[in-house]
Amino acid sequence: MLVAISQCAQGSVVFDTYAAGSRLRDAGLVSAGGMTREAALGKLFALLGAGLDVATAEHWFVLDLCGEAAQ
């Protein structure tokens, strides 16, 4: 499972805004939206550590479960 995060202090990853983002989506990456890299890593650890398959982990990753994806 690969996740695209933003290095900007504020902002988010939106795949359909620019061609580069569309290529990331087409390559199979999942958008972290407005998550910090720490939140994205922690969420990945939790989901994959729970033994979920990749498709299920991707489904739960994009959901804002406790405010971690706020922009």
N, C-alpha and C. Protein backbone atom coordinates (compact mmCIF):
# COMPACT_ATOMS: atom_id res chain seq x y z
N MET A 1 0.85 -1.17 0.00
CA MET A 1 0.00 0.00 0.00
C MET A 1 0.89 1.23 0.00
N LEU A 2 0.71 2.07 -0.98
CA LEU A 2 1.48 3.32 -1.09
C LEU A 2 0.54 4.51 -0.91
N VAL A 3 1.00 5.48 -0.14
CA VAL A 3 0.18 6.64 0.19
C VAL A 3 0.91 7.91 -0.24
N ALA A 4 0.18 8.82 -0.88
CA ALA A 4 0.74 10.12 -1.27
C ALA A 4 0.41 11.14 -0.19
N ILE A 5 1.46 11.77 0.36
CA ILE A 5 1.26 12.82 1.36
C ILE A 5 1.87 14.11 0.84
N SER A 6 1.41 15.21 1.40
CA SER A 6 1.95 16.51 1.03
C SER A 6 3.08 16.89 1.97
N GLN A 7 4.10 17.55 1.46
CA GLN A 7 5.18 18.05 2.31
C GLN A 7 4.90 19.47 2.78
N CYS A 8 3.81 20.05 2.30
CA CYS A 8 3.46 21.41 2.69
C CYS A 8 2.88 21.43 4.10
N ALA A 9 3.15 22.51 4.82
CA ALA A 9 2.62 22.63 6.19
C ALA A 9 1.10 22.68 6.19
N GLN A 10 0.52 23.27 5.17
CA GLN A 10 -0.93 23.30 5.02
C GLN A 10 -1.26 22.89 3.61
N GLY A 11 -2.39 22.25 3.44
CA GLY A 11 -2.78 21.79 2.12
C GLY A 11 -3.06 20.31 2.15
N SER A 12 -3.37 19.78 0.98
CA SER A 12 -3.70 18.37 0.92
C SER A 12 -3.36 17.81 -0.45
N VAL A 13 -3.39 16.50 -0.54
CA VAL A 13 -3.14 15.82 -1.80
C VAL A 13 -4.48 15.61 -2.49
N VAL A 14 -4.63 16.20 -3.66
CA VAL A 14 -5.85 16.04 -4.46
C VAL A 14 -5.40 15.54 -5.82
N PHE A 15 -5.72 14.30 -6.12
CA PHE A 15 -5.21 13.67 -7.33
C PHE A 15 -5.70 14.30 -8.63
N ASP A 16 -6.90 14.81 -8.68
CA ASP A 16 -7.47 15.26 -9.95
C ASP A 16 -7.18 16.71 -10.31
N THR A 17 -6.39 17.41 -9.50
CA THR A 17 -6.10 18.82 -9.79
C THR A 17 -5.04 18.96 -10.88
N TYR A 18 -3.99 18.17 -10.80
CA TYR A 18 -2.89 18.25 -11.76
C TYR A 18 -2.64 16.89 -12.39
N ALA A 19 -1.99 16.88 -13.54
CA ALA A 19 -1.70 15.63 -14.24
C ALA A 19 -0.83 14.71 -13.38
N ALA A 20 0.13 15.28 -12.66
CA ALA A 20 1.01 14.45 -11.82
C ALA A 20 0.20 13.69 -10.77
N GLY A 21 -0.80 14.35 -10.19
CA GLY A 21 -1.65 13.68 -9.21
C GLY A 21 -2.45 12.55 -9.82
N SER A 22 -2.94 12.78 -11.02
CA SER A 22 -3.69 11.72 -11.71
C SER A 22 -2.79 10.52 -11.98
N ARG A 23 -1.55 10.77 -12.29
CA ARG A 23 -0.61 9.67 -12.52
C ARG A 23 -0.34 8.87 -11.25
N LEU A 24 -0.27 9.57 -10.13
CA LEU A 24 -0.09 8.88 -8.86
C LEU A 24 -1.28 7.96 -8.57
N ARG A 25 -2.49 8.50 -8.77
CA ARG A 25 -3.69 7.69 -8.57
C ARG A 25 -3.71 6.50 -9.51
N ASP A 26 -3.38 6.74 -10.77
CA ASP A 26 -3.38 5.66 -11.76
C ASP A 26 -2.33 4.58 -11.44
N ALA A 27 -1.27 4.98 -10.73
CA ALA A 27 -0.23 4.03 -10.34
C ALA A 27 -0.63 3.23 -9.10
N GLY A 28 -1.77 3.58 -8.51
CA GLY A 28 -2.27 2.80 -7.38
C GLY A 28 -2.06 3.42 -6.01
N LEU A 29 -1.57 4.66 -5.95
CA LEU A 29 -1.38 5.31 -4.66
C LEU A 29 -2.72 5.75 -4.09
N VAL A 30 -2.76 5.88 -2.78
CA VAL A 30 -3.93 6.35 -2.06
C VAL A 30 -3.61 7.75 -1.54
N SER A 31 -4.55 8.67 -1.63
CA SER A 31 -4.32 10.02 -1.14
C SER A 31 -4.47 10.09 0.37
N ALA A 32 -3.52 10.74 1.02
CA ALA A 32 -3.61 10.97 2.45
C ALA A 32 -4.41 12.24 2.74
N GLY A 33 -4.88 12.91 1.70
CA GLY A 33 -5.66 14.13 1.91
C GLY A 33 -4.85 15.15 2.66
N GLY A 34 -5.37 15.65 3.76
CA GLY A 34 -4.69 16.65 4.56
C GLY A 34 -3.96 16.09 5.76
N MET A 35 -3.76 14.78 5.82
CA MET A 35 -3.06 14.17 6.96
C MET A 35 -1.59 14.58 6.98
N THR A 36 -1.07 14.73 8.17
CA THR A 36 0.37 14.91 8.31
C THR A 36 1.03 13.56 8.01
N ARG A 37 2.33 13.59 7.77
CA ARG A 37 3.01 12.31 7.51
C ARG A 37 2.98 11.42 8.74
N GLU A 38 3.01 12.03 9.93
CA GLU A 38 2.95 11.25 11.16
C GLU A 38 1.60 10.56 11.32
N ALA A 39 0.53 11.29 11.00
CA ALA A 39 -0.81 10.70 11.10
C ALA A 39 -0.98 9.59 10.07
N ALA A 40 -0.48 9.82 8.86
CA ALA A 40 -0.59 8.80 7.80
C ALA A 40 0.18 7.55 8.18
N LEU A 41 1.38 7.71 8.72
CA LEU A 41 2.19 6.56 9.11
C LEU A 41 1.53 5.80 10.26
N GLY A 42 1.03 6.53 11.24
CA GLY A 42 0.35 5.88 12.36
C GLY A 42 -0.89 5.13 11.91
N LYS A 43 -1.63 5.72 11.00
CA LYS A 43 -2.84 5.06 10.49
C LYS A 43 -2.47 3.81 9.68
N LEU A 44 -1.43 3.91 8.87
CA LEU A 44 -0.96 2.73 8.13
C LEU A 44 -0.54 1.61 9.07
N PHE A 45 0.23 1.96 10.11
CA PHE A 45 0.64 0.96 11.09
C PHE A 45 -0.56 0.28 11.72
N ALA A 46 -1.55 1.07 12.11
CA ALA A 46 -2.74 0.52 12.77
C ALA A 46 -3.52 -0.39 11.84
N LEU A 47 -3.74 0.06 10.61
CA LEU A 47 -4.57 -0.72 9.68
C LEU A 47 -3.86 -1.99 9.23
N LEU A 48 -2.61 -1.87 8.82
CA LEU A 48 -1.90 -3.04 8.34
C LEU A 48 -1.50 -3.96 9.50
N GLY A 49 -1.25 -3.38 10.67
CA GLY A 49 -0.94 -4.19 11.84
C GLY A 49 -2.13 -4.99 12.33
N ALA A 50 -3.34 -4.54 11.96
CA ALA A 50 -4.56 -5.26 12.34
C ALA A 50 -4.77 -6.48 11.46
N GLY A 51 -3.90 -6.66 10.47
CA GLY A 51 -4.00 -7.83 9.61
C GLY A 51 -4.99 -7.67 8.47
N LEU A 52 -5.39 -6.44 8.18
CA LEU A 52 -6.32 -6.21 7.07
C LEU A 52 -5.62 -6.42 5.74
N ASP A 53 -6.37 -6.90 4.75
CA ASP A 53 -5.80 -6.98 3.41
C ASP A 53 -5.69 -5.56 2.86
N VAL A 54 -4.93 -5.40 1.81
CA VAL A 54 -4.63 -4.06 1.27
C VAL A 54 -5.90 -3.33 0.84
N ALA A 55 -6.82 -4.01 0.16
CA ALA A 55 -8.04 -3.34 -0.30
C ALA A 55 -8.87 -2.82 0.88
N THR A 56 -8.96 -3.60 1.93
CA THR A 56 -9.72 -3.17 3.11
C THR A 56 -9.00 -2.04 3.82
N ALA A 57 -7.67 -2.12 3.93
CA ALA A 57 -6.89 -1.06 4.56
C ALA A 57 -7.02 0.24 3.78
N GLU A 58 -7.02 0.17 2.45
CA GLU A 58 -7.19 1.37 1.63
C GLU A 58 -8.57 1.99 1.87
N HIS A 59 -9.59 1.15 1.98
CA HIS A 59 -10.95 1.64 2.23
C HIS A 59 -10.99 2.44 3.53
N TRP A 60 -10.43 1.89 4.61
CA TRP A 60 -10.45 2.55 5.91
C TRP A 60 -9.49 3.72 5.96
N PHE A 61 -8.41 3.67 5.21
CA PHE A 61 -7.41 4.75 5.25
C PHE A 61 -8.01 6.07 4.79
N VAL A 62 -8.82 6.06 3.76
CA VAL A 62 -9.33 7.32 3.22
C VAL A 62 -10.47 7.91 4.05
N LEU A 63 -10.99 7.17 5.02
CA LEU A 63 -12.04 7.68 5.89
C LEU A 63 -11.43 8.49 7.03
N ASP A 64 -12.06 9.62 7.35
CA ASP A 64 -11.62 10.44 8.47
C ASP A 64 -12.22 9.83 9.73
N LEU A 65 -11.44 9.07 10.46
CA LEU A 65 -11.95 8.31 11.61
C LEU A 65 -11.98 9.14 12.89
N CYS A 66 -11.01 10.04 13.07
CA CYS A 66 -10.97 10.82 14.31
C CYS A 66 -10.36 12.21 14.09
N GLY A 67 -10.62 12.78 12.93
CA GLY A 67 -10.12 14.13 12.64
C GLY A 67 -8.73 14.19 12.06
N GLU A 68 -8.13 13.03 11.77
CA GLU A 68 -6.76 13.01 11.26
C GLU A 68 -6.65 13.50 9.82
N ALA A 69 -7.73 13.49 9.07
CA ALA A 69 -7.68 13.90 7.67
C ALA A 69 -8.14 15.34 7.47
N ALA A 70 -8.37 16.06 8.55
CA ALA A 70 -8.82 17.45 8.44
C ALA A 70 -7.80 18.28 7.68
N GLN A 71 -8.30 19.20 6.92
CA GLN A 71 -7.40 20.03 6.10
C GLN A 71 -7.13 21.33 6.73
